[in-house]
Amino acid sequence: MNDPIKNIWYYIVVQNPETSNEQFVGFTGKERIVPFIPAFKSKEIAQQCFLIMPKDIMNNKYEIQAIIKEDLIDHAQKNDYEVFLLDDKGSILEKLS
């Protein structure tokens, strides 16, 4: 039997997908209280927010990818990041981890 909590999918931005430098896009810095990975409820919301995210499009490729909630949270915790659900304008809706 599938556990519905474990089957929740979110969308994240991946930098340099399918390369040895692949990583989840996360944010740190003086203006951030904690380092975090932004997550989104849909690919469309992620794409809209991606347009206003700071990024280096000259040196990196970016792709929106789906990930299971527990894998996302596990990865974030191993790298000392929190996970926040964002809307299309980049506002935090809730903390996921």
C-alpha atoms as a PDB file:
ATOM      1  CA  MET A   1       0.000   0.000   0.000  1.00  0.00           C
ATOM      2  CA  ASN A   2       1.305   3.482  -0.869  1.00  0.00           C
ATOM      3  CA  ASP A   3       1.593   6.073   1.849  1.00  0.00           C
ATOM      4  CA  PRO A   4       0.012   9.282   0.433  1.00  0.00           C
ATOM      5  CA  ILE A   5       2.373  11.483   2.484  1.00  0.00           C
ATOM      6  CA  LYS A   6       5.407   9.885   0.827  1.00  0.00           C
ATOM      7  CA  ASN A   7       3.979  10.369  -2.644  1.00  0.00           C
ATOM      8  CA  ILE A   8       3.738  14.155  -2.554  1.00  0.00           C
ATOM      9  CA  TRP A   9       5.688  15.724  -5.407  1.00  0.00           C
ATOM     10  CA  TYR A  10       7.094  19.238  -5.555  1.00  0.00           C
ATOM     11  CA  TYR A  11       8.966  21.102  -8.248  1.00  0.00           C
ATOM     12  CA  ILE A  12      12.420  22.557  -7.781  1.00  0.00           C
ATOM     13  CA  VAL A  13      14.977  24.311  -9.954  1.00  0.00           C
ATOM     14  CA  VAL A  14      18.045  22.246 -10.814  1.00  0.00           C
ATOM     15  CA  GLN A  15      21.244  23.968 -11.901  1.00  0.00           C
ATOM     16  CA  ASN A  16      23.340  22.231 -14.591  1.00  0.00           C
ATOM     17  CA  PRO A  17      21.070  19.174 -14.890  1.00  0.00           C
ATOM     18  CA  GLU A  18      22.572  15.872 -16.029  1.00  0.00           C
ATOM     19  CA  THR A  19      26.155  17.033 -15.469  1.00  0.00           C
ATOM     20  CA  SER A  20      28.723  16.343 -12.759  1.00  0.00           C
ATOM     21  CA  ASN A  21      27.936  19.860 -11.426  1.00  0.00           C
ATOM     22  CA  GLU A  22      24.187  19.211 -11.035  1.00  0.00           C
ATOM     23  CA  GLN A  23      22.707  20.722  -7.880  1.00  0.00           C
ATOM     24  CA  PHE A  24      19.431  21.959  -6.479  1.00  0.00           C
ATOM     25  CA  VAL A  25      19.098  25.735  -6.558  1.00  0.00           C
ATOM     26  CA  GLY A  26      19.157  27.095  -3.029  1.00  0.00           C
ATOM     27  CA  PHE A  27      19.567  30.519  -1.502  1.00  0.00           C
ATOM     28  CA  THR A  28      21.909  31.758   1.205  1.00  0.00           C
ATOM     29  CA  GLY A  29      23.270  35.137   2.171  1.00  0.00           C
ATOM     30  CA  LYS A  30      22.910  38.084   4.484  1.00  0.00           C
ATOM     31  CA  GLU A  31      19.284  38.766   3.614  1.00  0.00           C
ATOM     32  CA  ARG A  32      18.282  35.116   4.256  1.00  0.00           C
ATOM     33  CA  ILE A  33      17.722  34.000   7.834  1.00  0.00           C
ATOM     34  CA  VAL A  34      18.439  30.374   6.921  1.00  0.00           C
ATOM     35  CA  PRO A  35      19.718  28.779   3.722  1.00  0.00           C
ATOM     36  CA  PHE A  36      16.793  27.269   1.840  1.00  0.00           C
ATOM     37  CA  ILE A  37      15.701  25.414  -1.268  1.00  0.00           C
ATOM     38  CA  PRO A  38      12.563  26.847  -2.890  1.00  0.00           C
ATOM     39  CA  ALA A  39       9.877  24.301  -3.775  1.00  0.00           C
ATOM     40  CA  PHE A  40       6.679  24.772  -5.756  1.00  0.00           C
ATOM     41  CA  LYS A  41       3.313  23.001  -6.048  1.00  0.00           C
ATOM     42  CA  SER A  42       3.352  22.988  -9.851  1.00  0.00           C
ATOM     43  CA  LYS A  43       5.767  23.295 -12.743  1.00  0.00           C
ATOM     44  CA  GLU A  44       3.934  26.411 -13.942  1.00  0.00           C
ATOM     45  CA  ILE A  45       4.367  28.171 -10.582  1.00  0.00           C
ATOM     46  CA  ALA A  46       8.046  27.210 -10.548  1.00  0.00           C
ATOM     47  CA  GLN A  47       8.532  28.599 -14.060  1.00  0.00           C
ATOM     48  CA  GLN A  48       6.869  31.895 -13.154  1.00  0.00           C
ATOM     49  CA  CYS A  49       8.963  32.334 -10.012  1.00  0.00           C
ATOM     50  CA  PHE A  50      12.137  31.291 -11.842  1.00  0.00           C
ATOM     51  CA  LEU A  51      11.810  34.395 -14.015  1.00  0.00           C
ATOM     52  CA  ILE A  52      12.404  36.643 -10.974  1.00  0.00           C
ATOM     53  CA  MET A  53      15.016  34.473  -9.211  1.00  0.00           C
ATOM     54  CA  PRO A  54      18.638  35.609  -9.173  1.00  0.00           C
ATOM     55  CA  LYS A  55      20.630  33.322 -11.483  1.00  0.00           C
ATOM     56  CA  ASP A  56      23.683  33.100 -13.712  1.00  0.00           C
ATOM     57  CA  ILE A  57      22.238  32.250 -17.129  1.00  0.00           C
ATOM     58  CA  MET A  58      25.528  32.967 -18.886  1.00  0.00           C
ATOM     59  CA  ASN A  59      27.421  30.170 -17.124  1.00  0.00           C
ATOM     60  CA  ASN A  60      24.734  27.713 -16.002  1.00  0.00           C
ATOM     61  CA  LYS A  61      21.738  25.820 -17.356  1.00  0.00           C
ATOM     62  CA  TYR A  62      18.559  25.511 -15.321  1.00  0.00           C
ATOM     63  CA  GLU A  63      15.670  23.088 -15.455  1.00  0.00           C
ATOM     64  CA  ILE A  64      12.478  22.656 -13.452  1.00  0.00           C
ATOM     65  CA  GLN A  65      12.221  19.087 -12.140  1.00  0.00           C
ATOM     66  CA  ALA A  66       9.766  17.156  -9.991  1.00  0.00           C
ATOM     67  CA  ILE A  67      10.952  15.483  -6.791  1.00  0.00           C
ATOM     68  CA  ILE A  68       9.262  13.439  -4.081  1.00  0.00           C
ATOM     69  CA  LYS A  69       8.851  15.416  -0.856  1.00  0.00           C
ATOM     70  CA  GLU A  70      10.793  12.996   1.353  1.00  0.00           C
ATOM     71  CA  ASP A  71      13.775  12.954  -1.070  1.00  0.00           C
ATOM     72  CA  LEU A  72      13.798  16.746  -1.212  1.00  0.00           C
ATOM     73  CA  ILE A  73      13.702  17.129   2.555  1.00  0.00           C
ATOM     74  CA  ASP A  74      16.348  14.431   3.048  1.00  0.00           C
ATOM     75  CA  HIS A  75      18.694  16.138   0.560  1.00  0.00           C
ATOM     76  CA  ALA A  76      18.101  19.546   2.143  1.00  0.00           C
ATOM     77  CA  GLN A  77      18.757  18.320   5.676  1.00  0.00           C
ATOM     78  CA  LYS A  78      21.988  16.575   4.641  1.00  0.00           C
ATOM     79  CA  ASN A  79      23.211  19.911   3.244  1.00  0.00           C
ATOM     80  CA  ASP A  80      21.959  22.114   6.133  1.00  0.00           C
ATOM     81  CA  TYR A  81      19.160  23.709   4.116  1.00  0.00           C
ATOM     82  CA  GLU A  82      15.496  24.229   4.895  1.00  0.00           C
ATOM     83  CA  VAL A  83      12.776  23.776   2.268  1.00  0.00           C
ATOM     84  CA  PHE A  84      10.129  26.447   1.780  1.00  0.00           C
ATOM     85  CA  LEU A  85       7.072  26.277  -0.452  1.00  0.00           C
ATOM     86  CA  LEU A  86       6.928  29.446  -2.558  1.00  0.00           C
ATOM     87  CA  ASP A  87       4.303  31.010  -4.781  1.00  0.00           C
ATOM     88  CA  ASP A  88       4.843  32.401  -8.283  1.00  0.00           C
ATOM     89  CA  LYS A  89       6.055  35.746  -6.880  1.00  0.00           C
ATOM     90  CA  GLY A  90       8.637  34.179  -4.552  1.00  0.00           C
ATOM     91  CA  SER A  91       6.652  34.658  -1.344  1.00  0.00           C
ATOM     92  CA  ILE A  92       6.975  31.915   1.251  1.00  0.00           C
ATOM     93  CA  LEU A  93       3.742  29.988   1.758  1.00  0.00           C
ATOM     94  CA  GLU A  94       4.976  27.462   4.305  1.00  0.00           C
ATOM     95  CA  LYS A  95       8.000  25.616   5.626  1.00  0.00           C
ATOM     96  CA  LEU A  96       8.183  22.021   4.370  1.00  0.00           C
ATOM     97  CA  SER A  97      11.144  20.809   6.423  1.00  0.00           C
END
